């Protein structure tokens, strides 16, 4: 069983995009655009409510493979709809930054998850 201490000590990440190759000249404009769009996506609401800042795990384990099937990885599904919505906001913001540069967008049938 996966206990809280093990989960908190694990290195994990949430993917908001596919792995992409960019030119040196695209780095600064892309980073700037990503910062702006992700800040806007996760800005606290003006009504004073707090922005969602944590993810709930527990939707089950899944194994994914990269596009060329050369690597696979284990992931933990998100545990609730709020966590799912939060990650989808990040994916949309990232897609909006990628689109003008012609970079591939995230998978149409995205399955937000935490990679371990």
PDB file of N, CA and C in Angstrom:
ATOM      1  N   UNK A   1       0.839  -1.185   0.000  1.00  0.00           N
ATOM      2  CA  UNK A   1       0.000   0.000   0.000  1.00  0.00           C
ATOM      3  C   UNK A   1       0.877   1.238   0.000  1.00  0.00           C
ATOM      4  N   UNK A   2       0.408   2.261  -0.641  1.00  0.00           N
ATOM      5  CA  UNK A   2       1.140   3.518  -0.737  1.00  0.00           C
ATOM      6  C   UNK A   2       0.670   4.432   0.380  1.00  0.00           C
ATOM      7  N   UNK A   3       1.557   4.706   1.356  1.00  0.00           N
ATOM      8  CA  UNK A   3       1.157   5.588   2.449  1.00  0.00           C
ATOM      9  C   UNK A   3       1.546   7.032   2.124  1.00  0.00           C
ATOM     10  N   UNK A   4       1.040   7.970   2.936  1.00  0.00           N
ATOM     11  CA  UNK A   4       1.273   9.393   2.673  1.00  0.00           C
ATOM     12  C   UNK A   4       2.753   9.754   2.688  1.00  0.00           C
ATOM     13  N   UNK A   5       3.526   9.189   3.623  1.00  0.00           N
ATOM     14  CA  UNK A   5       4.950   9.515   3.719  1.00  0.00           C
ATOM     15  C   UNK A   5       5.686   9.088   2.454  1.00  0.00           C
ATOM     16  N   UNK A   6       5.362   7.918   1.941  1.00  0.00           N
ATOM     17  CA  UNK A   6       6.002   7.440   0.715  1.00  0.00           C
ATOM     18  C   UNK A   6       5.632   8.336  -0.452  1.00  0.00           C
ATOM     19  N   UNK A   7       4.367   8.683  -0.550  1.00  0.00           N
ATOM     20  CA  UNK A   7       3.913   9.530  -1.649  1.00  0.00           C
ATOM     21  C   UNK A   7       4.577  10.900  -1.595  1.00  0.00           C
ATOM     22  N   UNK A   8       4.679  11.485  -0.394  1.00  0.00           N
ATOM     23  CA  UNK A   8       5.267  12.810  -0.264  1.00  0.00           C
ATOM     24  C   UNK A   8       6.760  12.810  -0.563  1.00  0.00           C
ATOM     25  N   UNK A   9       7.443  11.696  -0.335  1.00  0.00           N
ATOM     26  CA  UNK A   9       8.878  11.642  -0.588  1.00  0.00           C
ATOM     27  C   UNK A   9       9.196  11.275  -2.034  1.00  0.00           C
ATOM     28  N   UNK A  10       8.208  10.845  -2.770  1.00  0.00           N
ATOM     29  CA  UNK A  10       8.426  10.419  -4.156  1.00  0.00           C
ATOM     30  C   UNK A  10       8.609  11.623  -5.069  1.00  0.00           C
ATOM     31  N   UNK A  11       9.400  11.428  -6.102  1.00  0.00           N
ATOM     32  CA  UNK A  11       9.521  12.455  -7.127  1.00  0.00           C
ATOM     33  C   UNK A  11       8.464  12.178  -8.179  1.00  0.00           C
ATOM     34  N   UNK A  12       7.661  13.176  -8.463  1.00  0.00           N
ATOM     35  CA  UNK A  12       6.612  13.004  -9.452  1.00  0.00           C
ATOM     36  C   UNK A  12       6.392  14.311 -10.187  1.00  0.00           C
ATOM     37  N   UNK A  13       5.687  14.237 -11.285  1.00  0.00           N
ATOM     38  CA  UNK A  13       5.356  15.451 -12.023  1.00  0.00           C
ATOM     39  C   UNK A  13       4.026  15.270 -12.741  1.00  0.00           C
ATOM     40  N   UNK A  14       3.438  16.389 -13.069  1.00  0.00           N
ATOM     41  CA  UNK A  14       2.206  16.418 -13.851  1.00  0.00           C
ATOM     42  C   UNK A  14       2.582  16.965 -15.221  1.00  0.00           C
ATOM     43  N   UNK A  15       2.325  16.202 -16.267  1.00  0.00           N
ATOM     44  CA  UNK A  15       2.647  16.649 -17.623  1.00  0.00           C
ATOM     45  C   UNK A  15       1.529  17.531 -18.160  1.00  0.00           C
ATOM     46  N   UNK A  16       1.917  18.684 -18.686  1.00  0.00           N
ATOM     47  CA  UNK A  16       0.958  19.596 -19.303  1.00  0.00           C
ATOM     48  C   UNK A  16       1.147  19.652 -20.813  1.00  0.00           C
ATOM     49  N   UNK A  17       2.138  18.916 -21.321  1.00  0.00           N
ATOM     50  CA  UNK A  17       2.399  18.896 -22.760  1.00  0.00           C
ATOM     51  C   UNK A  17       3.086  17.595 -23.136  1.00  0.00           C
ATOM     52  N   UNK A  18       3.170  17.390 -24.426  1.00  0.00           N
ATOM     53  CA  UNK A  18       4.030  16.328 -24.942  1.00  0.00           C
ATOM     54  C   UNK A  18       5.469  16.829 -24.857  1.00  0.00           C
ATOM     55  N   UNK A  19       6.421  15.916 -24.947  1.00  0.00           N
ATOM     56  CA  UNK A  19       7.822  16.331 -25.073  1.00  0.00           C
ATOM     57  C   UNK A  19       7.993  16.904 -26.478  1.00  0.00           C
ATOM     58  N   UNK A  20       8.580  18.080 -26.577  1.00  0.00           N
ATOM     59  CA  UNK A  20       8.731  18.741 -27.875  1.00  0.00           C
ATOM     60  C   UNK A  20      10.164  19.222 -28.054  1.00  0.00           C
ATOM     61  N   UNK A  21      10.569  19.316 -29.300  1.00  0.00           N
ATOM     62  CA  UNK A  21      11.855  19.911 -29.645  1.00  0.00           C
ATOM     63  C   UNK A  21      11.596  21.346 -30.080  1.00  0.00           C
ATOM     64  N   UNK A  22      12.383  22.270 -29.526  1.00  0.00           N
ATOM     65  CA  UNK A  22      12.256  23.670 -29.927  1.00  0.00           C
ATOM     66  C   UNK A  22      13.640  24.197 -30.271  1.00  0.00           C
ATOM     67  N   UNK A  23      13.666  25.235 -31.072  1.00  0.00           N
ATOM     68  CA  UNK A  23      14.941  25.851 -31.425  1.00  0.00           C
ATOM     69  C   UNK A  23      15.373  26.791 -30.301  1.00  0.00           C
ATOM     70  N   UNK A  24      16.646  27.131 -30.307  1.00  0.00           N
ATOM     71  CA  UNK A  24      17.174  28.031 -29.287  1.00  0.00           C
ATOM     72  C   UNK A  24      16.395  29.345 -29.268  1.00  0.00           C
ATOM     73  N   UNK A  25      16.066  29.857 -30.441  1.00  0.00           N
ATOM     74  CA  UNK A  25      15.344  31.121 -30.537  1.00  0.00           C
ATOM     75  C   UNK A  25      13.913  31.064 -30.018  1.00  0.00           C
ATOM     76  N   UNK A  26      13.367  29.876 -29.873  1.00  0.00           N
ATOM     77  CA  UNK A  26      12.001  29.726 -29.362  1.00  0.00           C
ATOM     78  C   UNK A  26      11.941  29.652 -27.837  1.00  0.00           C
ATOM     79  N   UNK A  27      13.083  29.428 -27.188  1.00  0.00           N
ATOM     80  CA  UNK A  27      13.074  29.200 -25.738  1.00  0.00           C
ATOM     81  C   UNK A  27      12.474  30.379 -24.987  1.00  0.00           C
ATOM     82  N   UNK A  28      13.054  31.558 -25.147  1.00  0.00           N
ATOM     83  CA  UNK A  28      12.596  32.709 -24.367  1.00  0.00           C
ATOM     84  C   UNK A  28      11.143  33.088 -24.671  1.00  0.00           C
ATOM     85  N   UNK A  29      10.729  33.186 -25.953  1.00  0.00           N
ATOM     86  CA  UNK A  29       9.323  33.510 -26.211  1.00  0.00           C
ATOM     87  C   UNK A  29       8.364  32.456 -25.646  1.00  0.00           C
ATOM     88  N   UNK A  30       8.740  31.185 -25.733  1.00  0.00           N
ATOM     89  CA  UNK A  30       7.864  30.130 -25.224  1.00  0.00           C
ATOM     90  C   UNK A  30       7.772  30.186 -23.703  1.00  0.00           C
ATOM     91  N   UNK A  31       8.893  30.338 -23.030  1.00  0.00           N
ATOM     92  CA  UNK A  31       8.878  30.410 -21.564  1.00  0.00           C
ATOM     93  C   UNK A  31       8.057  31.611 -21.104  1.00  0.00           C
ATOM     94  N   UNK A  32       8.231  32.740 -21.755  1.00  0.00           N
ATOM     95  CA  UNK A  32       7.472  33.941 -21.406  1.00  0.00           C
ATOM     96  C   UNK A  32       5.971  33.721 -21.595  1.00  0.00           C
ATOM     97  N   UNK A  33       5.608  33.139 -22.715  1.00  0.00           N
ATOM     98  CA  UNK A  33       4.188  32.877 -23.003  1.00  0.00           C
ATOM     99  C   UNK A  33       3.608  31.861 -22.016  1.00  0.00           C
ATOM    100  N   UNK A  34       4.368  30.821 -21.700  1.00  0.00           N
ATOM    101  CA  UNK A  34       3.898  29.822 -20.729  1.00  0.00           C
ATOM    102  C   UNK A  34       3.682  30.452 -19.357  1.00  0.00           C
ATOM    103  N   UNK A  35       4.626  31.279 -18.914  1.00  0.00           N
ATOM    104  CA  UNK A  35       4.470  31.950 -17.610  1.00  0.00           C
ATOM    105  C   UNK A  35       3.177  32.766 -17.572  1.00  0.00           C
ATOM    106  N   UNK A  36       2.976  33.562 -18.614  1.00  0.00           N
ATOM    107  CA  UNK A  36       1.798  34.430 -18.662  1.00  0.00           C
ATOM    108  C   UNK A  36       0.501  33.615 -18.658  1.00  0.00           C
ATOM    109  N   UNK A  37       0.437  32.623 -19.502  1.00  0.00           N
ATOM    110  CA  UNK A  37      -0.801  31.840 -19.630  1.00  0.00           C
ATOM    111  C   UNK A  37      -1.065  30.964 -18.408  1.00  0.00           C
ATOM    112  N   UNK A  38      -0.024  30.379 -17.827  1.00  0.00           N
ATOM    113  CA  UNK A  38      -0.227  29.544 -16.638  1.00  0.00           C
ATOM    114  C   UNK A  38      -0.583  30.395 -15.421  1.00  0.00           C
ATOM    115  N   UNK A  39       0.026  31.573 -15.300  1.00  0.00           N
ATOM    116  CA  UNK A  39      -0.370  32.477 -14.204  1.00  0.00           C
ATOM    117  C   UNK A  39      -1.848  32.847 -14.326  1.00  0.00           C
ATOM    118  N   UNK A  40      -2.269  33.171 -15.538  1.00  0.00           N
ATOM    119  CA  UNK A  40      -3.674  33.530 -15.755  1.00  0.00           C
ATOM    120  C   UNK A  40      -4.588  32.347 -15.460  1.00  0.00           C
ATOM    121  N   UNK A  41      -4.169  31.152 -15.839  1.00  0.00           N
ATOM    122  CA  UNK A  41      -5.006  29.963 -15.633  1.00  0.00           C
ATOM    123  C   UNK A  41      -5.182  29.638 -14.158  1.00  0.00           C
ATOM    124  N   UNK A  42      -4.186  29.971 -13.343  1.00  0.00           N
ATOM    125  CA  UNK A  42      -4.238  29.601 -11.926  1.00  0.00           C
ATOM    126  C   UNK A  42      -4.338  30.799 -10.993  1.00  0.00           C
ATOM    127  N   UNK A  43      -4.697  31.951 -11.554  1.00  0.00           N
ATOM    128  CA  UNK A  43      -4.876  33.156 -10.742  1.00  0.00           C
ATOM    129  C   UNK A  43      -6.065  32.961  -9.807  1.00  0.00           C
ATOM    130  N   UNK A  44      -5.921  33.358  -8.529  1.00  0.00           N
ATOM    131  CA  UNK A  44      -7.068  33.236  -7.619  1.00  0.00           C
ATOM    132  C   UNK A  44      -8.243  34.072  -8.118  1.00  0.00           C
ATOM    133  N   UNK A  45      -9.460  33.595  -7.921  1.00  0.00           N
ATOM    134  CA  UNK A  45     -10.636  34.351  -8.365  1.00  0.00           C
ATOM    135  C   UNK A  45     -10.748  35.688  -7.640  1.00  0.00           C
ATOM    136  N   UNK A  46     -11.337  36.672  -8.329  1.00  0.00           N
ATOM    137  CA  UNK A  46     -11.471  38.009  -7.752  1.00  0.00           C
ATOM    138  C   UNK A  46     -12.457  38.062  -6.598  1.00  0.00           C
ATOM    139  N   UNK A  47     -13.288  37.037  -6.456  1.00  0.00           N
ATOM    140  CA  UNK A  47     -14.278  37.048  -5.376  1.00  0.00           C
ATOM    141  C   UNK A  47     -13.666  36.695  -4.023  1.00  0.00           C
ATOM    142  N   UNK A  48     -12.344  36.570  -3.991  1.00  0.00           N
ATOM    143  CA  UNK A  48     -11.679  36.319  -2.722  1.00  0.00           C
ATOM    144  C   UNK A  48     -11.487  34.849  -2.394  1.00  0.00           C
ATOM    145  N   UNK A  49     -12.087  33.967  -3.159  1.00  0.00           N
ATOM    146  CA  UNK A  49     -11.896  32.543  -2.909  1.00  0.00           C
ATOM    147  C   UNK A  49     -10.486  32.125  -3.285  1.00  0.00           C
ATOM    148  N   UNK A  50     -10.001  31.103  -2.663  1.00  0.00           N
ATOM    149  CA  UNK A  50      -8.659  30.623  -2.959  1.00  0.00           C
ATOM    150  C   UNK A  50      -8.627  29.803  -4.234  1.00  0.00           C
ATOM    151  N   UNK A  51      -7.545  29.902  -4.949  1.00  0.00           N
ATOM    152  CA  UNK A  51      -7.360  29.068  -6.139  1.00  0.00           C
ATOM    153  C   UNK A  51      -7.002  27.656  -5.690  1.00  0.00           C
ATOM    154  N   UNK A  52      -7.401  26.686  -6.473  1.00  0.00           N
ATOM    155  CA  UNK A  52      -7.057  25.300  -6.162  1.00  0.00           C
ATOM    156  C   UNK A  52      -5.544  25.166  -6.250  1.00  0.00           C
ATOM    157  N   UNK A  53      -4.915  24.628  -5.217  1.00  0.00           N
ATOM    158  CA  UNK A  53      -3.460  24.513  -5.191  1.00  0.00           C
ATOM    159  C   UNK A  53      -2.977  23.096  -4.914  1.00  0.00           C
ATOM    160  N   UNK A  54      -3.870  22.164  -4.757  1.00  0.00           N
ATOM    161  CA  UNK A  54      -3.441  20.800  -4.479  1.00  0.00           C
ATOM    162  C   UNK A  54      -4.217  19.831  -5.355  1.00  0.00           C
ATOM    163  N   UNK A  55      -3.639  18.658  -5.516  1.00  0.00           N
ATOM    164  CA  UNK A  55      -4.272  17.621  -6.318  1.00  0.00           C
ATOM    165  C   UNK A  55      -4.635  16.453  -5.427  1.00  0.00           C
ATOM    166  N   UNK A  56      -5.733  15.831  -5.739  1.00  0.00           N
ATOM    167  CA  UNK A  56      -6.166  14.631  -5.031  1.00  0.00           C
ATOM    168  C   UNK A  56      -5.796  13.424  -5.878  1.00  0.00           C
ATOM    169  N   UNK A  57      -5.138  12.458  -5.252  1.00  0.00           N
ATOM    170  CA  UNK A  57      -4.760  11.226  -5.942  1.00  0.00           C
ATOM    171  C   UNK A  57      -5.725  10.123  -5.552  1.00  0.00           C
ATOM    172  N   UNK A  58      -5.621   9.018  -6.210  1.00  0.00           N
ATOM    173  CA  UNK A  58      -6.392   7.871  -5.770  1.00  0.00           C
ATOM    174  C   UNK A  58      -7.315   7.298  -6.809  1.00  0.00           C
ATOM    175  N   UNK A  59      -7.182   7.745  -8.046  1.00  0.00           N
ATOM    176  CA  UNK A  59      -8.038   7.213  -9.087  1.00  0.00           C
ATOM    177  C   UNK A  59      -7.559   5.888  -9.652  1.00  0.00           C
ATOM    178  N   UNK A  60      -6.417   5.400  -9.195  1.00  0.00           N
ATOM    179  CA  UNK A  60      -5.887   4.126  -9.658  1.00  0.00           C
ATOM    180  C   UNK A  60      -4.602   4.287 -10.452  1.00  0.00           C
ATOM    181  N   UNK A  61      -3.912   3.188 -10.656  1.00  0.00           N
ATOM    182  CA  UNK A  61      -2.645   3.157 -11.380  1.00  0.00           C
ATOM    183  C   UNK A  61      -2.878   2.899 -12.860  1.00  0.00           C
ATOM    184  N   UNK A  62      -2.055   3.539 -13.695  1.00  0.00           N
ATOM    185  CA  UNK A  62      -2.123   3.342 -15.138  1.00  0.00           C
ATOM    186  C   UNK A  62      -0.697   3.297 -15.679  1.00  0.00           C
ATOM    187  N   UNK A  63      -0.483   2.533 -16.726  1.00  0.00           N
ATOM    188  CA  UNK A  63       0.807   2.524 -17.416  1.00  0.00           C
ATOM    189  C   UNK A  63       0.604   3.198 -18.770  1.00  0.00           C
ATOM    190  N   UNK A  64       1.445   4.186 -19.063  1.00  0.00           N
ATOM    191  CA  UNK A  64       1.403   4.898 -20.332  1.00  0.00           C
ATOM    192  C   UNK A  64       2.700   4.642 -21.090  1.00  0.00           C
ATOM    193  N   UNK A  65       2.675   4.831 -22.394  1.00  0.00           N
ATOM    194  CA  UNK A  65       3.871   4.761 -23.236  1.00  0.00           C
ATOM    195  C   UNK A  65       3.984   6.076 -23.998  1.00  0.00           C
ATOM    196  N   UNK A  66       5.229   6.469 -24.303  1.00  0.00           N
ATOM    197  CA  UNK A  66       5.404   7.688 -25.083  1.00  0.00           C
ATOM    198  C   UNK A  66       4.982   7.447 -26.534  1.00  0.00           C
ATOM    199  N   UNK A  67       5.008   8.517 -27.340  1.00  0.00           N
ATOM    200  CA  UNK A  67       4.495   8.439 -28.715  1.00  0.00           C
ATOM    201  C   UNK A  67       5.136   7.337 -29.552  1.00  0.00           C
ATOM    202  N   UNK A  68       6.460   7.183 -29.441  1.00  0.00           N
ATOM    203  CA  UNK A  68       7.116   6.160 -30.269  1.00  0.00           C
ATOM    204  C   UNK A  68       7.236   4.810 -29.560  1.00  0.00           C
ATOM    205  N   UNK A  69       6.607   4.713 -28.402  1.00  0.00           N
ATOM    206  CA  UNK A  69       6.560   3.466 -27.623  1.00  0.00           C
ATOM    207  C   UNK A  69       7.940   2.973 -27.186  1.00  0.00           C
ATOM    208  N   UNK A  70       8.911   3.897 -27.075  1.00  0.00           N
ATOM    209  CA  UNK A  70      10.247   3.509 -26.639  1.00  0.00           C
ATOM    210  C   UNK A  70      10.392   3.533 -25.118  1.00  0.00           C
ATOM    211  N   UNK A  71       9.476   4.211 -24.436  1.00  0.00           N
ATOM    212  CA  UNK A  71       9.513   4.290 -22.974  1.00  0.00           C
ATOM    213  C   UNK A  71       8.101   4.142 -22.435  1.00  0.00           C
ATOM    214  N   UNK A  72       8.014   3.558 -21.263  1.00  0.00           N
ATOM    215  CA  UNK A  72       6.718   3.490 -20.582  1.00  0.00           C
ATOM    216  C   UNK A  72       6.918   3.964 -19.152  1.00  0.00           C
ATOM    217  N   UNK A  73       5.840   4.361 -18.512  1.00  0.00           N
ATOM    218  CA  UNK A  73       5.933   4.862 -17.145  1.00  0.00           C
ATOM    219  C   UNK A  73       4.639   4.588 -16.409  1.00  0.00           C
ATOM    220  N   UNK A  74       4.764   4.558 -15.094  1.00  0.00           N
ATOM    221  CA  UNK A  74       3.617   4.319 -14.222  1.00  0.00           C
ATOM    222  C   UNK A  74       3.080   5.665 -13.770  1.00  0.00           C
ATOM    223  N   UNK A  75       1.779   5.777 -13.727  1.00  0.00           N
ATOM    224  CA  UNK A  75       1.171   7.021 -13.266  1.00  0.00           C
ATOM    225  C   UNK A  75       0.039   6.721 -12.299  1.00  0.00           C
ATOM    226  N   UNK A  76      -0.280   7.732 -11.532  1.00  0.00           N
ATOM    227  CA  UNK A  76      -1.379   7.660 -10.584  1.00  0.00           C
ATOM    228  C   UNK A  76      -2.469   8.594 -11.083  1.00  0.00           C
ATOM    229  N   UNK A  77      -3.647   8.071 -11.266  1.00  0.00           N
ATOM    230  CA  UNK A  77      -4.765   8.888 -11.749  1.00  0.00           C
ATOM    231  C   UNK A  77      -5.195   9.866 -10.668  1.00  0.00           C
ATOM    232  N   UNK A  78      -5.786  10.948 -11.106  1.00  0.00           N
ATOM    233  CA  UNK A  78      -6.278  11.946 -10.162  1.00  0.00           C
ATOM    234  C   UNK A  78      -7.535  11.429  -9.493  1.00  0.00           C
ATOM    235  N   UNK A  79      -7.732  11.842  -8.245  1.00  0.00           N
ATOM    236  CA  UNK A  79      -8.788  11.254  -7.441  1.00  0.00           C
ATOM    237  C   UNK A  79     -10.129  11.942  -7.487  1.00  0.00           C
ATOM    238  N   UNK A  80     -10.204  13.160  -8.012  1.00  0.00           N
ATOM    239  CA  UNK A  80     -11.504  13.831  -8.014  1.00  0.00           C
ATOM    240  C   UNK A  80     -11.629  14.788  -9.194  1.00  0.00           C
ATOM    241  N   UNK A  81     -12.835  15.250  -9.421  1.00  0.00           N
ATOM    242  CA  UNK A  81     -13.131  16.115 -10.572  1.00  0.00           C
ATOM    243  C   UNK A  81     -12.407  17.456 -10.477  1.00  0.00           C
ATOM    244  N   UNK A  82     -12.253  18.002  -9.266  1.00  0.00           N
ATOM    245  CA  UNK A  82     -11.577  19.292  -9.114  1.00  0.00           C
ATOM    246  C   UNK A  82     -10.112  19.190  -9.537  1.00  0.00           C
ATOM    247  N   UNK A  83      -9.450  18.108  -9.174  1.00  0.00           N
ATOM    248  CA  UNK A  83      -8.058  17.902  -9.583  1.00  0.00           C
ATOM    249  C   UNK A  83      -7.969  17.750 -11.095  1.00  0.00           C
ATOM    250  N   UNK A  84      -8.892  17.016 -11.655  1.00  0.00           N
ATOM    251  CA  UNK A  84      -8.944  16.808 -13.107  1.00  0.00           C
ATOM    252  C   UNK A  84      -9.099  18.157 -13.818  1.00  0.00           C
ATOM    253  N   UNK A  85     -10.029  18.986 -13.349  1.00  0.00           N
ATOM    254  CA  UNK A  85     -10.257  20.311 -13.956  1.00  0.00           C
ATOM    255  C   UNK A  85      -9.016  21.188 -13.844  1.00  0.00           C
ATOM    256  N   UNK A  86      -8.343  21.115 -12.703  1.00  0.00           N
ATOM    257  CA  UNK A  86      -7.159  21.936 -12.482  1.00  0.00           C
ATOM    258  C   UNK A  86      -6.059  21.594 -13.493  1.00  0.00           C
ATOM    259  N   UNK A  87      -5.799  20.319 -13.692  1.00  0.00           N
ATOM    260  CA  UNK A  87      -4.768  19.915 -14.648  1.00  0.00           C
ATOM    261  C   UNK A  87      -5.199  20.259 -16.077  1.00  0.00           C
ATOM    262  N   UNK A  88      -6.472  20.085 -16.404  1.00  0.00           N
ATOM    263  CA  UNK A  88      -6.952  20.446 -17.745  1.00  0.00           C
ATOM    264  C   UNK A  88      -6.779  21.935 -18.014  1.00  0.00           C
ATOM    265  N   UNK A  89      -6.937  22.790 -16.996  1.00  0.00           N
ATOM    266  CA  UNK A  89      -6.679  24.229 -17.163  1.00  0.00           C
ATOM    267  C   UNK A  89      -5.222  24.459 -17.559  1.00  0.00           C
ATOM    268  N   UNK A  90      -4.320  23.752 -16.909  1.00  0.00           N
ATOM    269  CA  UNK A  90      -2.902  23.873 -17.243  1.00  0.00           C
ATOM    270  C   UNK A  90      -2.598  23.383 -18.645  1.00  0.00           C
ATOM    271  N   UNK A  91      -3.228  22.285 -19.048  1.00  0.00           N
ATOM    272  CA  UNK A  91      -3.034  21.749 -20.398  1.00  0.00           C
ATOM    273  C   UNK A  91      -3.542  22.745 -21.435  1.00  0.00           C
ATOM    274  N   UNK A  92      -4.716  23.331 -21.202  1.00  0.00           N
ATOM    275  CA  UNK A  92      -5.258  24.319 -22.147  1.00  0.00           C
ATOM    276  C   UNK A  92      -4.326  25.528 -22.267  1.00  0.00           C
ATOM    277  N   UNK A  93      -3.827  26.016 -21.127  1.00  0.00           N
ATOM    278  CA  UNK A  93      -2.926  27.171 -21.148  1.00  0.00           C
ATOM    279  C   UNK A  93      -1.641  26.839 -21.911  1.00  0.00           C
ATOM    280  N   UNK A  94      -1.125  25.647 -21.720  1.00  0.00           N
ATOM    281  CA  UNK A  94       0.085  25.218 -22.426  1.00  0.00           C
ATOM    282  C   UNK A  94      -0.182  25.089 -23.919  1.00  0.00           C
ATOM    283  N   UNK A  95      -1.312  24.498 -24.286  1.00  0.00           N
ATOM    284  CA  UNK A  95      -1.678  24.396 -25.706  1.00  0.00           C
ATOM    285  C   UNK A  95      -1.748  25.773 -26.357  1.00  0.00           C
ATOM    286  N   UNK A  96      -2.305  26.750 -25.636  1.00  0.00           N
ATOM    287  CA  UNK A  96      -2.427  28.109 -26.171  1.00  0.00           C
ATOM    288  C   UNK A  96      -1.053  28.730 -26.421  1.00  0.00           C
ATOM    289  N   UNK A  97      -0.067  28.382 -25.597  1.00  0.00           N
ATOM    290  CA  UNK A  97       1.293  28.888 -25.801  1.00  0.00           C
ATOM    291  C   UNK A  97       1.996  28.138 -26.932  1.00  0.00           C
ATOM    292  N   UNK A  98       1.706  26.865 -27.089  1.00  0.00           N
ATOM    293  CA  UNK A  98       2.352  26.046 -28.120  1.00  0.00           C
ATOM    294  C   UNK A  98       1.820  26.340 -29.520  1.00  0.00           C
ATOM    295  N   UNK A  99       0.528  26.595 -29.636  1.00  0.00           N
ATOM    296  CA  UNK A  99      -0.126  26.702 -30.942  1.00  0.00           C
ATOM    297  C   UNK A  99       0.539  27.712 -31.878  1.00  0.00           C
ATOM    298  N   UNK A 100       0.804  28.955 -31.441  1.00  0.00           N
ATOM    299  CA  UNK A 100       1.402  29.930 -32.364  1.00  0.00           C
ATOM    300  C   UNK A 100       2.785  29.517 -32.877  1.00  0.00           C
ATOM    301  N   UNK A 101       3.476  28.659 -32.133  1.00  0.00           N
ATOM    302  CA  UNK A 101       4.806  28.207 -32.544  1.00  0.00           C
ATOM    303  C   UNK A 101       4.757  26.930 -33.374  1.00  0.00           C
ATOM    304  N   UNK A 102       3.553  26.433 -33.617  1.00  0.00           N
ATOM    305  CA  UNK A 102       3.404  25.214 -34.403  1.00  0.00           C
ATOM    306  C   UNK A 102       3.832  23.955 -33.669  1.00  0.00           C
ATOM    307  N   UNK A 103       3.895  24.025 -32.353  1.00  0.00           N
ATOM    308  CA  UNK A 103       4.291  22.854 -31.563  1.00  0.00           C
ATOM    309  C   UNK A 103       3.093  21.928 -31.380  1.00  0.00           C
ATOM    310  N   UNK A 104       3.341  20.632 -31.240  1.00  0.00           N
ATOM    311  CA  UNK A 104       2.220  19.692 -31.082  1.00  0.00           C
ATOM    312  C   UNK A 104       1.462  19.940 -29.783  1.00  0.00           C
ATOM    313  N   UNK A 105       0.154  19.910 -29.887  1.00  0.00           N
ATOM    314  CA  UNK A 105      -0.693  20.107 -28.718  1.00  0.00           C
ATOM    315  C   UNK A 105      -0.803  18.804 -27.941  1.00  0.00           C
ATOM    316  N   UNK A 106      -1.288  18.907 -26.705  1.00  0.00           N
ATOM    317  CA  UNK A 106      -1.446  17.724 -25.859  1.00  0.00           C
ATOM    318  C   UNK A 106      -2.470  16.790 -26.488  1.00  0.00           C
ATOM    319  N   UNK A 107      -2.471  15.575 -26.085  1.00  0.00           N
ATOM    320  CA  UNK A 107      -3.344  14.559 -26.654  1.00  0.00           C
ATOM    321  C   UNK A 107      -4.811  14.973 -26.565  1.00  0.00           C
ATOM    322  N   UNK A 108      -5.535  14.783 -27.656  1.00  0.00           N
ATOM    323  CA  UNK A 108      -6.955  15.139 -27.699  1.00  0.00           C
ATOM    324  C   UNK A 108      -7.732  14.392 -26.616  1.00  0.00           C
ATOM    325  N   UNK A 109      -7.401  13.143 -26.412  1.00  0.00           N
ATOM    326  CA  UNK A 109      -8.076  12.328 -25.395  1.00  0.00           C
ATOM    327  C   UNK A 109      -7.248  12.300 -24.108  1.00  0.00           C
ATOM    328  N   UNK A 110      -6.798  13.487 -23.677  1.00  0.00           N
ATOM    329  CA  UNK A 110      -5.894  13.568 -22.530  1.00  0.00           C
ATOM    330  C   UNK A 110      -6.484  12.889 -21.296  1.00  0.00           C
ATOM    331  N   UNK A 111      -5.602  12.267 -20.559  1.00  0.00           N
ATOM    332  CA  UNK A 111      -5.952  11.603 -19.310  1.00  0.00           C
ATOM    333  C   UNK A 111      -5.037  12.171 -18.228  1.00  0.00           C
ATOM    334  N   UNK A 112      -5.419  13.301 -17.619  1.00  0.00           N
ATOM    335  CA  UNK A 112      -4.549  13.912 -16.615  1.00  0.00           C
ATOM    336  C   UNK A 112      -4.147  12.897 -15.541  1.00  0.00           C
ATOM    337  N   UNK A 113      -2.863  12.947 -15.182  1.00  0.00           N
ATOM    338  CA  UNK A 113      -2.312  11.986 -14.235  1.00  0.00           C
ATOM    339  C   UNK A 113      -1.029  12.551 -13.636  1.00  0.00           C
ATOM    340  N   UNK A 114      -0.531  11.891 -12.624  1.00  0.00           N
ATOM    341  CA  UNK A 114       0.736  12.225 -12.001  1.00  0.00           C
ATOM    342  C   UNK A 114       1.707  11.103 -12.338  1.00  0.00           C
ATOM    343  N   UNK A 115       2.822  11.449 -12.959  1.00  0.00           N
ATOM    344  CA  UNK A 115       3.826  10.447 -13.330  1.00  0.00           C
ATOM    345  C   UNK A 115       4.803  10.250 -12.181  1.00  0.00           C
ATOM    346  N   UNK A 116       5.082   9.004 -11.896  1.00  0.00           N
ATOM    347  CA  UNK A 116       6.020   8.673 -10.816  1.00  0.00           C
ATOM    348  C   UNK A 116       7.342   8.214 -11.391  1.00  0.00           C
TER     349      UNK A 116
END
